[in-house]
N, C-alpha and C. Protein backbone atom coordinates (compact mmCIF):
# COMPACT_ATOMS: atom_id res chain seq x y z
N MET A 1 0.82 -1.18 0.00
CA MET A 1 0.00 0.00 0.00
C MET A 1 0.88 1.26 0.00
N LEU A 2 1.93 1.25 0.81
CA LEU A 2 2.79 2.44 0.88
C LEU A 2 3.42 2.77 -0.46
N ILE A 3 3.94 1.77 -1.12
CA ILE A 3 4.63 2.03 -2.38
C ILE A 3 3.62 2.47 -3.44
N LEU A 4 2.50 1.78 -3.52
CA LEU A 4 1.45 2.21 -4.45
C LEU A 4 1.03 3.64 -4.15
N GLY A 5 0.85 3.95 -2.89
CA GLY A 5 0.42 5.29 -2.48
C GLY A 5 1.41 6.37 -2.84
N VAL A 6 2.69 6.11 -2.63
CA VAL A 6 3.70 7.12 -2.96
C VAL A 6 3.80 7.29 -4.47
N VAL A 7 3.76 6.20 -5.21
CA VAL A 7 3.76 6.33 -6.68
C VAL A 7 2.55 7.14 -7.11
N ARG A 8 1.42 6.85 -6.51
CA ARG A 8 0.16 7.54 -6.84
C ARG A 8 0.29 9.05 -6.60
N ILE A 9 0.92 9.45 -5.51
CA ILE A 9 1.07 10.87 -5.19
C ILE A 9 1.99 11.58 -6.18
N PHE A 10 3.11 10.95 -6.53
CA PHE A 10 4.16 11.64 -7.29
C PHE A 10 4.27 11.21 -8.75
N GLN A 11 3.38 10.37 -9.23
CA GLN A 11 3.52 9.80 -10.57
C GLN A 11 3.57 10.85 -11.66
N PRO A 12 4.30 10.57 -12.71
CA PRO A 12 5.25 9.47 -12.87
C PRO A 12 6.48 9.71 -12.01
N VAL A 13 7.03 8.63 -11.45
CA VAL A 13 8.09 8.78 -10.46
C VAL A 13 9.12 7.66 -10.60
N HIS A 14 10.38 8.01 -10.35
CA HIS A 14 11.47 7.03 -10.34
C HIS A 14 11.50 6.30 -8.99
N GLY A 15 12.02 5.10 -9.01
CA GLY A 15 12.17 4.32 -7.78
C GLY A 15 12.99 5.06 -6.73
N TYR A 16 14.01 5.78 -7.16
CA TYR A 16 14.84 6.52 -6.20
C TYR A 16 14.01 7.54 -5.44
N ASP A 17 13.10 8.20 -6.14
CA ASP A 17 12.26 9.21 -5.47
C ASP A 17 11.26 8.56 -4.53
N VAL A 18 10.75 7.38 -4.88
CA VAL A 18 9.87 6.64 -3.98
C VAL A 18 10.64 6.29 -2.71
N ARG A 19 11.84 5.78 -2.88
CA ARG A 19 12.69 5.41 -1.74
C ARG A 19 12.97 6.62 -0.85
N ARG A 20 13.36 7.72 -1.49
CA ARG A 20 13.69 8.94 -0.75
C ARG A 20 12.48 9.45 0.04
N GLU A 21 11.31 9.42 -0.58
CA GLU A 21 10.11 9.90 0.11
C GLU A 21 9.78 9.02 1.31
N LEU A 22 9.81 7.70 1.13
CA LEU A 22 9.51 6.80 2.24
C LEU A 22 10.52 6.94 3.37
N LEU A 23 11.78 7.14 3.04
CA LEU A 23 12.79 7.36 4.08
C LEU A 23 12.56 8.69 4.79
N SER A 24 12.09 9.71 4.08
CA SER A 24 11.81 10.98 4.73
C SER A 24 10.64 10.84 5.71
N TRP A 25 9.78 9.87 5.47
CA TRP A 25 8.68 9.57 6.38
C TRP A 25 9.12 8.64 7.50
N HIS A 26 10.37 8.14 7.45
CA HIS A 26 10.90 7.16 8.40
C HIS A 26 10.09 5.85 8.35
N ALA A 27 9.59 5.52 7.17
CA ALA A 27 8.76 4.31 7.01
C ALA A 27 9.54 3.05 7.35
N ASP A 28 10.85 3.10 7.26
CA ASP A 28 11.67 1.94 7.63
C ASP A 28 11.56 1.64 9.12
N GLU A 29 11.09 2.61 9.93
CA GLU A 29 10.98 2.43 11.38
C GLU A 29 9.59 1.97 11.82
N TRP A 30 8.55 2.31 11.08
CA TRP A 30 7.20 2.00 11.54
C TRP A 30 6.41 1.11 10.59
N ALA A 31 7.00 0.80 9.46
CA ALA A 31 6.32 -0.09 8.50
C ALA A 31 7.33 -1.15 8.05
N ASN A 32 6.83 -2.16 7.44
CA ASN A 32 7.68 -3.24 6.96
C ASN A 32 8.25 -2.86 5.60
N VAL A 33 9.03 -1.78 5.57
CA VAL A 33 9.61 -1.28 4.33
C VAL A 33 11.11 -1.11 4.54
N ALA A 34 11.86 -2.02 3.97
CA ALA A 34 13.32 -1.89 4.01
C ALA A 34 13.74 -1.11 2.77
N PRO A 35 14.62 -0.12 2.92
CA PRO A 35 15.00 0.70 1.76
C PRO A 35 15.46 -0.11 0.56
N GLY A 36 16.18 -1.19 0.79
CA GLY A 36 16.67 -2.00 -0.31
C GLY A 36 15.60 -2.80 -1.03
N SER A 37 14.44 -2.97 -0.41
CA SER A 37 13.39 -3.78 -1.02
C SER A 37 12.44 -2.96 -1.89
N ILE A 38 12.58 -1.67 -1.90
CA ILE A 38 11.64 -0.82 -2.62
C ILE A 38 11.72 -1.06 -4.13
N TYR A 39 12.93 -1.18 -4.68
CA TYR A 39 13.07 -1.40 -6.12
C TYR A 39 12.47 -2.74 -6.52
N HIS A 40 12.71 -3.76 -5.70
CA HIS A 40 12.13 -5.09 -5.96
C HIS A 40 10.60 -5.00 -5.92
N ALA A 41 10.06 -4.29 -4.94
CA ALA A 41 8.61 -4.15 -4.83
C ALA A 41 8.04 -3.43 -6.03
N LEU A 42 8.70 -2.39 -6.51
CA LEU A 42 8.22 -1.68 -7.69
C LEU A 42 8.17 -2.61 -8.90
N LYS A 43 9.21 -3.39 -9.08
CA LYS A 43 9.26 -4.34 -10.20
C LYS A 43 8.15 -5.37 -10.07
N LYS A 44 7.94 -5.89 -8.85
CA LYS A 44 6.90 -6.89 -8.61
C LYS A 44 5.52 -6.31 -8.87
N LEU A 45 5.28 -5.08 -8.39
CA LEU A 45 3.99 -4.43 -8.63
C LEU A 45 3.76 -4.20 -10.13
N ALA A 46 4.83 -3.89 -10.85
CA ALA A 46 4.72 -3.74 -12.31
C ALA A 46 4.42 -5.09 -12.96
N ASP A 47 5.11 -6.14 -12.51
CA ASP A 47 4.86 -7.49 -13.05
C ASP A 47 3.42 -7.93 -12.82
N GLU A 48 2.82 -7.49 -11.70
CA GLU A 48 1.44 -7.85 -11.36
C GLU A 48 0.42 -6.94 -12.04
N GLY A 49 0.89 -5.96 -12.80
CA GLY A 49 -0.02 -5.06 -13.51
C GLY A 49 -0.58 -3.94 -12.67
N LEU A 50 -0.02 -3.72 -11.47
CA LEU A 50 -0.50 -2.65 -10.59
C LEU A 50 0.20 -1.33 -10.88
N LEU A 51 1.41 -1.41 -11.42
CA LEU A 51 2.16 -0.25 -11.88
C LEU A 51 2.51 -0.45 -13.35
N ARG A 52 2.73 0.66 -14.03
CA ARG A 52 3.16 0.60 -15.42
C ARG A 52 4.50 1.32 -15.52
N GLU A 53 5.44 0.68 -16.20
CA GLU A 53 6.72 1.32 -16.46
C GLU A 53 6.50 2.32 -17.59
N VAL A 54 6.72 3.61 -17.29
CA VAL A 54 6.49 4.67 -18.27
C VAL A 54 7.71 4.80 -19.18
N THR A 55 8.88 4.95 -18.57
CA THR A 55 10.12 5.05 -19.34
C THR A 55 11.26 4.45 -18.53
N THR A 56 12.29 4.08 -19.22
CA THR A 56 13.55 3.71 -18.59
C THR A 56 14.63 4.49 -19.31
N GLU A 57 15.40 5.23 -18.54
CA GLU A 57 16.44 6.06 -19.14
C GLU A 57 17.74 5.90 -18.37
N GLN A 58 18.82 6.08 -19.11
CA GLN A 58 20.14 5.99 -18.49
C GLN A 58 20.92 7.23 -18.89
N VAL A 59 21.47 7.90 -17.89
CA VAL A 59 22.26 9.10 -18.15
C VAL A 59 23.71 8.77 -17.80
N GLY A 60 24.57 8.81 -18.79
CA GLY A 60 25.99 8.54 -18.57
C GLY A 60 26.20 7.16 -18.00
N ALA A 61 27.07 7.09 -16.98
CA ALA A 61 27.41 5.81 -16.36
C ALA A 61 26.48 5.48 -15.19
N ARG A 62 25.50 6.32 -14.95
CA ARG A 62 24.58 6.07 -13.84
C ARG A 62 23.68 4.88 -14.18
N PRO A 63 23.16 4.19 -13.15
CA PRO A 63 22.24 3.08 -13.41
C PRO A 63 20.97 3.57 -14.11
N ALA A 64 20.36 2.69 -14.89
CA ALA A 64 19.12 3.02 -15.57
C ALA A 64 18.03 3.32 -14.53
N ARG A 65 17.21 4.31 -14.84
CA ARG A 65 16.12 4.69 -13.93
C ARG A 65 14.79 4.50 -14.65
N THR A 66 13.94 3.72 -14.00
CA THR A 66 12.61 3.45 -14.55
C THR A 66 11.60 4.35 -13.86
N THR A 67 10.73 4.94 -14.65
CA THR A 67 9.66 5.79 -14.13
C THR A 67 8.38 4.97 -14.13
N TYR A 68 7.62 5.06 -13.03
CA TYR A 68 6.39 4.28 -12.87
C TYR A 68 5.19 5.18 -12.69
N GLU A 69 4.02 4.61 -13.03
CA GLU A 69 2.74 5.21 -12.69
C GLU A 69 1.77 4.09 -12.35
N VAL A 70 0.72 4.44 -11.62
CA VAL A 70 -0.27 3.47 -11.17
C VAL A 70 -1.23 3.17 -12.31
N THR A 71 -1.53 1.89 -12.51
CA THR A 71 -2.51 1.47 -13.51
C THR A 71 -3.91 1.52 -12.87
N PRO A 72 -4.96 1.42 -13.67
CA PRO A 72 -6.30 1.33 -13.08
C PRO A 72 -6.43 0.15 -12.10
N LYS A 73 -5.82 -0.98 -12.43
CA LYS A 73 -5.82 -2.14 -11.52
C LYS A 73 -5.08 -1.79 -10.23
N GLY A 74 -3.97 -1.05 -10.34
CA GLY A 74 -3.21 -0.62 -9.17
C GLY A 74 -4.00 0.36 -8.31
N GLU A 75 -4.74 1.25 -8.95
CA GLU A 75 -5.58 2.20 -8.21
C GLU A 75 -6.66 1.46 -7.42
N ALA A 76 -7.28 0.46 -8.06
CA ALA A 76 -8.31 -0.33 -7.36
C ALA A 76 -7.70 -1.07 -6.18
N GLU A 77 -6.51 -1.64 -6.37
CA GLU A 77 -5.83 -2.36 -5.28
C GLU A 77 -5.46 -1.40 -4.16
N PHE A 78 -4.92 -0.23 -4.50
CA PHE A 78 -4.58 0.77 -3.49
C PHE A 78 -5.80 1.15 -2.67
N GLN A 79 -6.90 1.45 -3.35
CA GLN A 79 -8.13 1.85 -2.64
C GLN A 79 -8.63 0.73 -1.73
N ASP A 80 -8.55 -0.51 -2.19
CA ASP A 80 -8.97 -1.65 -1.37
C ASP A 80 -8.07 -1.79 -0.13
N LEU A 81 -6.77 -1.75 -0.33
CA LEU A 81 -5.84 -1.86 0.79
C LEU A 81 -6.02 -0.70 1.77
N LEU A 82 -6.17 0.50 1.25
CA LEU A 82 -6.34 1.68 2.08
C LEU A 82 -7.57 1.53 2.98
N ARG A 83 -8.68 1.15 2.38
CA ARG A 83 -9.91 1.03 3.16
C ARG A 83 -9.85 -0.11 4.17
N ARG A 84 -9.20 -1.21 3.80
CA ARG A 84 -9.05 -2.30 4.77
C ARG A 84 -8.24 -1.83 5.97
N GLN A 85 -7.19 -1.08 5.74
CA GLN A 85 -6.36 -0.61 6.86
C GLN A 85 -7.10 0.41 7.72
N TRP A 86 -7.96 1.20 7.12
CA TRP A 86 -8.72 2.18 7.88
C TRP A 86 -9.82 1.54 8.71
N TRP A 87 -10.49 0.55 8.17
CA TRP A 87 -11.71 0.04 8.79
C TRP A 87 -11.54 -1.26 9.55
N GLU A 88 -10.39 -1.89 9.48
CA GLU A 88 -10.13 -3.12 10.24
C GLU A 88 -9.10 -2.83 11.32
N TYR A 89 -9.32 -3.40 12.48
CA TYR A 89 -8.32 -3.26 13.55
C TYR A 89 -7.65 -4.60 13.78
N ARG A 90 -6.35 -4.59 13.72
CA ARG A 90 -5.56 -5.76 14.08
C ARG A 90 -4.52 -5.30 15.09
N PRO A 91 -4.56 -5.85 16.30
CA PRO A 91 -3.57 -5.42 17.29
C PRO A 91 -2.15 -5.63 16.74
N PRO A 92 -1.27 -4.68 17.01
CA PRO A 92 0.11 -4.85 16.55
C PRO A 92 0.77 -6.03 17.26
N LEU A 93 1.66 -6.70 16.54
CA LEU A 93 2.40 -7.81 17.12
C LEU A 93 3.60 -7.26 17.86
N ASP A 94 3.62 -7.44 19.16
CA ASP A 94 4.70 -6.94 20.00
C ASP A 94 5.25 -8.12 20.80
N PRO A 95 6.51 -8.46 20.65
CA PRO A 95 7.08 -9.61 21.36
C PRO A 95 7.01 -9.46 22.88
N PHE A 96 6.78 -8.24 23.36
CA PHE A 96 6.65 -8.03 24.79
C PHE A 96 5.40 -8.73 25.34
N VAL A 97 4.34 -8.78 24.56
CA VAL A 97 3.07 -9.34 25.06
C VAL A 97 3.22 -10.80 25.48
N PRO A 98 3.75 -11.70 24.64
CA PRO A 98 3.92 -13.07 25.14
C PRO A 98 4.93 -13.16 26.28
N ALA A 99 5.95 -12.32 26.28
CA ALA A 99 6.91 -12.32 27.39
C ALA A 99 6.22 -11.91 28.68
N PHE A 100 5.34 -10.91 28.60
CA PHE A 100 4.63 -10.46 29.79
C PHE A 100 3.72 -11.56 30.35
N ALA A 101 3.19 -12.39 29.47
CA ALA A 101 2.33 -13.49 29.92
C ALA A 101 3.07 -14.40 30.91
N PHE A 102 4.39 -14.42 30.82
CA PHE A 102 5.20 -15.26 31.70
C PHE A 102 5.90 -14.46 32.79
N LEU A 103 5.37 -13.30 33.13
CA LEU A 103 5.91 -12.48 34.21
C LEU A 103 6.10 -13.30 35.50
N PRO A 104 5.15 -14.17 35.87
CA PRO A 104 5.34 -14.94 37.12
C PRO A 104 6.54 -15.89 37.10
N ALA A 105 7.16 -16.10 35.93
CA ALA A 105 8.34 -16.96 35.86
C ALA A 105 9.61 -16.22 36.27
N LEU A 106 9.53 -14.91 36.41
CA LEU A 106 10.69 -14.12 36.83
C LEU A 106 10.66 -13.89 38.34
N PRO A 107 11.83 -13.82 38.96
CA PRO A 107 11.86 -13.40 40.37
C PRO A 107 11.31 -11.96 40.47
N ARG A 108 10.68 -11.65 41.58
CA ARG A 108 10.02 -10.37 41.77
C ARG A 108 10.95 -9.19 41.43
N ARG A 109 12.14 -9.20 41.97
CA ARG A 109 13.06 -8.08 41.76
C ARG A 109 13.40 -7.90 40.29
N GLU A 110 13.60 -9.00 39.58
CA GLU A 110 13.92 -8.91 38.15
C GLU A 110 12.70 -8.42 37.36
N GLY A 111 11.52 -8.90 37.69
CA GLY A 111 10.31 -8.45 37.00
C GLY A 111 10.08 -6.96 37.16
N VAL A 112 10.25 -6.48 38.40
CA VAL A 112 10.10 -5.05 38.67
C VAL A 112 11.13 -4.26 37.87
N ALA A 113 12.38 -4.72 37.90
CA ALA A 113 13.44 -4.02 37.17
C ALA A 113 13.17 -4.02 35.66
N ALA A 114 12.72 -5.16 35.14
CA ALA A 114 12.44 -5.26 33.71
C ALA A 114 11.31 -4.31 33.30
N LEU A 115 10.25 -4.25 34.09
CA LEU A 115 9.14 -3.35 33.79
C LEU A 115 9.58 -1.89 33.84
N ARG A 116 10.37 -1.55 34.83
CA ARG A 116 10.84 -0.16 34.94
C ARG A 116 11.81 0.19 33.82
N HIS A 117 12.62 -0.79 33.44
CA HIS A 117 13.53 -0.58 32.31
C HIS A 117 12.74 -0.34 31.02
N ARG A 118 11.70 -1.15 30.80
CA ARG A 118 10.86 -0.97 29.61
C ARG A 118 10.20 0.41 29.65
N ALA A 119 9.71 0.81 30.82
CA ALA A 119 9.08 2.14 30.94
C ALA A 119 10.09 3.23 30.57
N GLN A 120 11.32 3.06 31.04
CA GLN A 120 12.35 4.05 30.74
C GLN A 120 12.65 4.07 29.23
N GLN A 121 12.76 2.89 28.60
CA GLN A 121 13.01 2.83 27.17
C GLN A 121 11.88 3.49 26.38
N LEU A 122 10.65 3.24 26.79
CA LEU A 122 9.51 3.83 26.10
C LEU A 122 9.51 5.35 26.23
N ARG A 123 9.83 5.85 27.41
CA ARG A 123 9.89 7.31 27.59
C ARG A 123 11.02 7.92 26.76
N LEU A 124 12.17 7.23 26.72
CA LEU A 124 13.28 7.72 25.90
C LEU A 124 12.90 7.73 24.42
N PHE A 125 12.19 6.69 23.98
CA PHE A 125 11.72 6.65 22.60
C PHE A 125 10.81 7.84 22.32
N ALA A 126 9.84 8.08 23.20
CA ALA A 126 8.89 9.18 23.01
C ALA A 126 9.61 10.53 23.02
N ASP A 127 10.53 10.71 23.96
CA ASP A 127 11.29 11.97 24.03
C ASP A 127 12.14 12.16 22.78
N GLY A 128 12.78 11.08 22.32
CA GLY A 128 13.60 11.16 21.11
C GLY A 128 12.77 11.47 19.89
N ALA A 129 11.60 10.86 19.79
CA ALA A 129 10.72 11.15 18.65
C ALA A 129 10.27 12.60 18.68
N GLU A 130 10.03 13.12 19.86
CA GLU A 130 9.62 14.52 19.98
C GLU A 130 10.74 15.46 19.52
N VAL A 131 11.97 15.15 19.91
CA VAL A 131 13.12 15.96 19.48
C VAL A 131 13.26 15.90 17.96
N ARG A 132 13.12 14.68 17.41
CA ARG A 132 13.22 14.54 15.95
C ARG A 132 12.13 15.33 15.24
N MET A 133 10.94 15.31 15.81
CA MET A 133 9.85 16.06 15.17
C MET A 133 10.15 17.54 15.17
N ASP A 134 10.80 18.02 16.22
CA ASP A 134 11.11 19.44 16.31
C ASP A 134 12.26 19.85 15.40
N SER A 135 13.14 18.89 15.06
CA SER A 135 14.34 19.29 14.33
C SER A 135 14.67 18.48 13.09
N ASP A 136 14.00 17.36 12.86
CA ASP A 136 14.44 16.43 11.82
C ASP A 136 14.13 16.92 10.41
N ILE A 137 12.87 17.07 10.10
CA ILE A 137 12.50 17.45 8.75
C ILE A 137 11.38 18.49 8.80
N ASP A 138 11.12 19.05 7.66
CA ASP A 138 10.00 19.99 7.52
C ASP A 138 8.73 19.16 7.37
N TRP A 139 7.90 19.17 8.39
CA TRP A 139 6.70 18.32 8.41
C TRP A 139 5.57 18.89 7.57
N GLU A 140 5.72 20.10 7.06
CA GLU A 140 4.63 20.69 6.29
C GLU A 140 4.29 19.89 5.05
N HIS A 141 5.29 19.22 4.46
CA HIS A 141 5.02 18.45 3.24
C HIS A 141 4.35 17.11 3.56
N ALA A 142 4.37 16.69 4.82
CA ALA A 142 3.76 15.41 5.20
C ALA A 142 3.18 15.50 6.62
N PRO A 143 2.18 16.34 6.83
CA PRO A 143 1.65 16.49 8.19
C PRO A 143 1.02 15.21 8.73
N HIS A 144 0.55 14.35 7.85
CA HIS A 144 -0.02 13.07 8.29
C HIS A 144 1.04 12.17 8.90
N VAL A 145 2.26 12.27 8.40
CA VAL A 145 3.36 11.48 8.98
C VAL A 145 3.70 12.01 10.36
N ALA A 146 3.66 13.32 10.53
CA ALA A 146 3.89 13.91 11.85
C ALA A 146 2.84 13.40 12.84
N GLU A 147 1.61 13.26 12.39
CA GLU A 147 0.55 12.73 13.27
C GLU A 147 0.83 11.29 13.65
N MET A 148 1.41 10.50 12.75
CA MET A 148 1.77 9.12 13.09
C MET A 148 2.85 9.10 14.17
N PHE A 149 3.80 10.03 14.08
CA PHE A 149 4.82 10.13 15.12
C PHE A 149 4.18 10.48 16.45
N ARG A 150 3.23 11.42 16.44
CA ARG A 150 2.53 11.79 17.68
C ARG A 150 1.77 10.59 18.26
N LEU A 151 1.16 9.79 17.41
CA LEU A 151 0.47 8.58 17.88
C LEU A 151 1.46 7.61 18.51
N GLY A 152 2.60 7.40 17.88
CA GLY A 152 3.62 6.52 18.44
C GLY A 152 4.13 7.02 19.79
N MET A 153 4.31 8.33 19.90
CA MET A 153 4.76 8.90 21.18
C MET A 153 3.69 8.71 22.25
N ALA A 154 2.44 8.91 21.89
CA ALA A 154 1.35 8.74 22.86
C ALA A 154 1.26 7.29 23.32
N HIS A 155 1.36 6.35 22.37
CA HIS A 155 1.34 4.92 22.74
C HIS A 155 2.49 4.60 23.69
N ALA A 156 3.68 5.09 23.36
CA ALA A 156 4.85 4.81 24.19
C ALA A 156 4.67 5.36 25.60
N ARG A 157 4.17 6.57 25.71
CA ARG A 157 3.99 7.17 27.04
C ARG A 157 2.92 6.46 27.86
N VAL A 158 1.83 6.06 27.21
CA VAL A 158 0.78 5.32 27.93
C VAL A 158 1.32 3.97 28.39
N GLU A 159 2.05 3.27 27.53
CA GLU A 159 2.61 1.98 27.93
C GLU A 159 3.65 2.14 29.02
N ALA A 160 4.43 3.21 28.97
CA ALA A 160 5.43 3.45 30.03
C ALA A 160 4.73 3.63 31.37
N ASP A 161 3.65 4.39 31.39
CA ASP A 161 2.90 4.57 32.64
C ASP A 161 2.32 3.25 33.13
N TRP A 162 1.81 2.44 32.21
CA TRP A 162 1.26 1.13 32.55
C TRP A 162 2.35 0.23 33.14
N CYS A 163 3.53 0.21 32.51
CA CYS A 163 4.64 -0.62 33.01
C CYS A 163 5.00 -0.21 34.44
N GLU A 164 5.06 1.09 34.69
CA GLU A 164 5.39 1.56 36.03
C GLU A 164 4.32 1.15 37.04
N ALA A 165 3.05 1.23 36.65
CA ALA A 165 1.96 0.83 37.56
C ALA A 165 2.02 -0.67 37.85
N VAL A 166 2.30 -1.48 36.85
CA VAL A 166 2.41 -2.93 37.05
C VAL A 166 3.63 -3.25 37.91
N ALA A 167 4.73 -2.53 37.70
CA ALA A 167 5.93 -2.73 38.52
C ALA A 167 5.62 -2.45 40.00
N GLN A 168 4.84 -1.40 40.25
CA GLN A 168 4.46 -1.09 41.63
C GLN A 168 3.59 -2.19 42.23
N ARG A 169 2.65 -2.70 41.45
CA ARG A 169 1.80 -3.79 41.95
C ARG A 169 2.62 -5.05 42.21
N LEU A 170 3.57 -5.35 41.32
CA LEU A 170 4.43 -6.52 41.50
C LEU A 170 5.29 -6.34 42.74
N GLU A 171 5.83 -5.15 42.92
CA GLU A 171 6.68 -4.83 44.07
C GLU A 171 5.92 -5.00 45.38
N LYS A 172 4.64 -4.64 45.39
CA LYS A 172 3.80 -4.76 46.59
C LYS A 172 3.33 -6.19 46.84
N GLY A 173 3.59 -7.08 45.90
CA GLY A 173 3.16 -8.46 46.08
C GLY A 173 1.75 -8.73 45.58
N GLU A 174 1.16 -7.80 44.86
CA GLU A 174 -0.19 -7.98 44.33
C GLU A 174 -0.20 -8.92 43.13
N LEU A 175 0.96 -9.14 42.52
CA LEU A 175 1.09 -10.06 41.39
C LEU A 175 2.11 -11.13 41.77
N HIS A 176 1.96 -12.30 41.20
CA HIS A 176 2.84 -13.42 41.53
C HIS A 176 4.21 -13.29 40.87
N ALA A 177 5.21 -13.85 41.54
CA ALA A 177 6.58 -13.88 41.02
C ALA A 177 7.16 -15.26 41.28
N ALA A 178 8.23 -15.60 40.57
CA ALA A 178 8.84 -16.93 40.66
C ALA A 178 9.36 -17.24 42.06
N ASP A 179 9.76 -16.24 42.79
CA ASP A 179 10.35 -16.49 44.11
C ASP A 179 9.31 -16.38 45.25
N ASP A 180 8.03 -16.36 44.91
CA ASP A 180 6.99 -16.38 45.95
C ASP A 180 7.01 -17.73 46.65
N LYS A 181 6.78 -17.71 47.95
CA LYS A 181 6.64 -18.96 48.69
C LYS A 181 5.22 -19.46 48.45
N THR A 182 5.11 -20.70 48.14
CA THR A 182 3.78 -21.29 47.90
C THR A 182 3.45 -22.30 48.98
N ASP A 183 2.20 -22.37 49.34
CA ASP A 183 1.74 -23.35 50.32
C ASP A 183 1.20 -24.55 49.56
N HIS A 184 1.77 -25.72 49.85
CA HIS A 184 1.27 -26.96 49.20
C HIS A 184 0.62 -27.83 50.21
């Protein structure tokens, strides 16, 4: 969806410009978009008839550059993907969630320390994102991306507060830990 969307915005567009735009959005950090995979994805989307190769040109010794545009089939696919992402909710996959399910397997002191460490990491992430927003790029060309950063910061801060609250409950003995004495 991201690659189709960026081509759609800037068409006709070279792969390099698609890559540059997605990197300016920091899509490599919040989406499954590796900078090196963008050219492969463009070629695959063209092979599937979702993009059309407009021209391929080579200037001097530089690599050939292909210009793409979205086909009617690609526009229909983009609209379908866009609406599915807007109207369906799928919880994000976070490896912390299954690890948290086994919190009682950790000694109390380690569980408390781990939760507080995660809270600290989340706050550092949110603070760092805020600094980047203030100084990284001109957000006027992509205000929607700035809003995604704000959402990520809000999620991080809420989870940090939750981690601290759970750490306090664990510390007070309200939650089980591996080193609890059990009566058999």
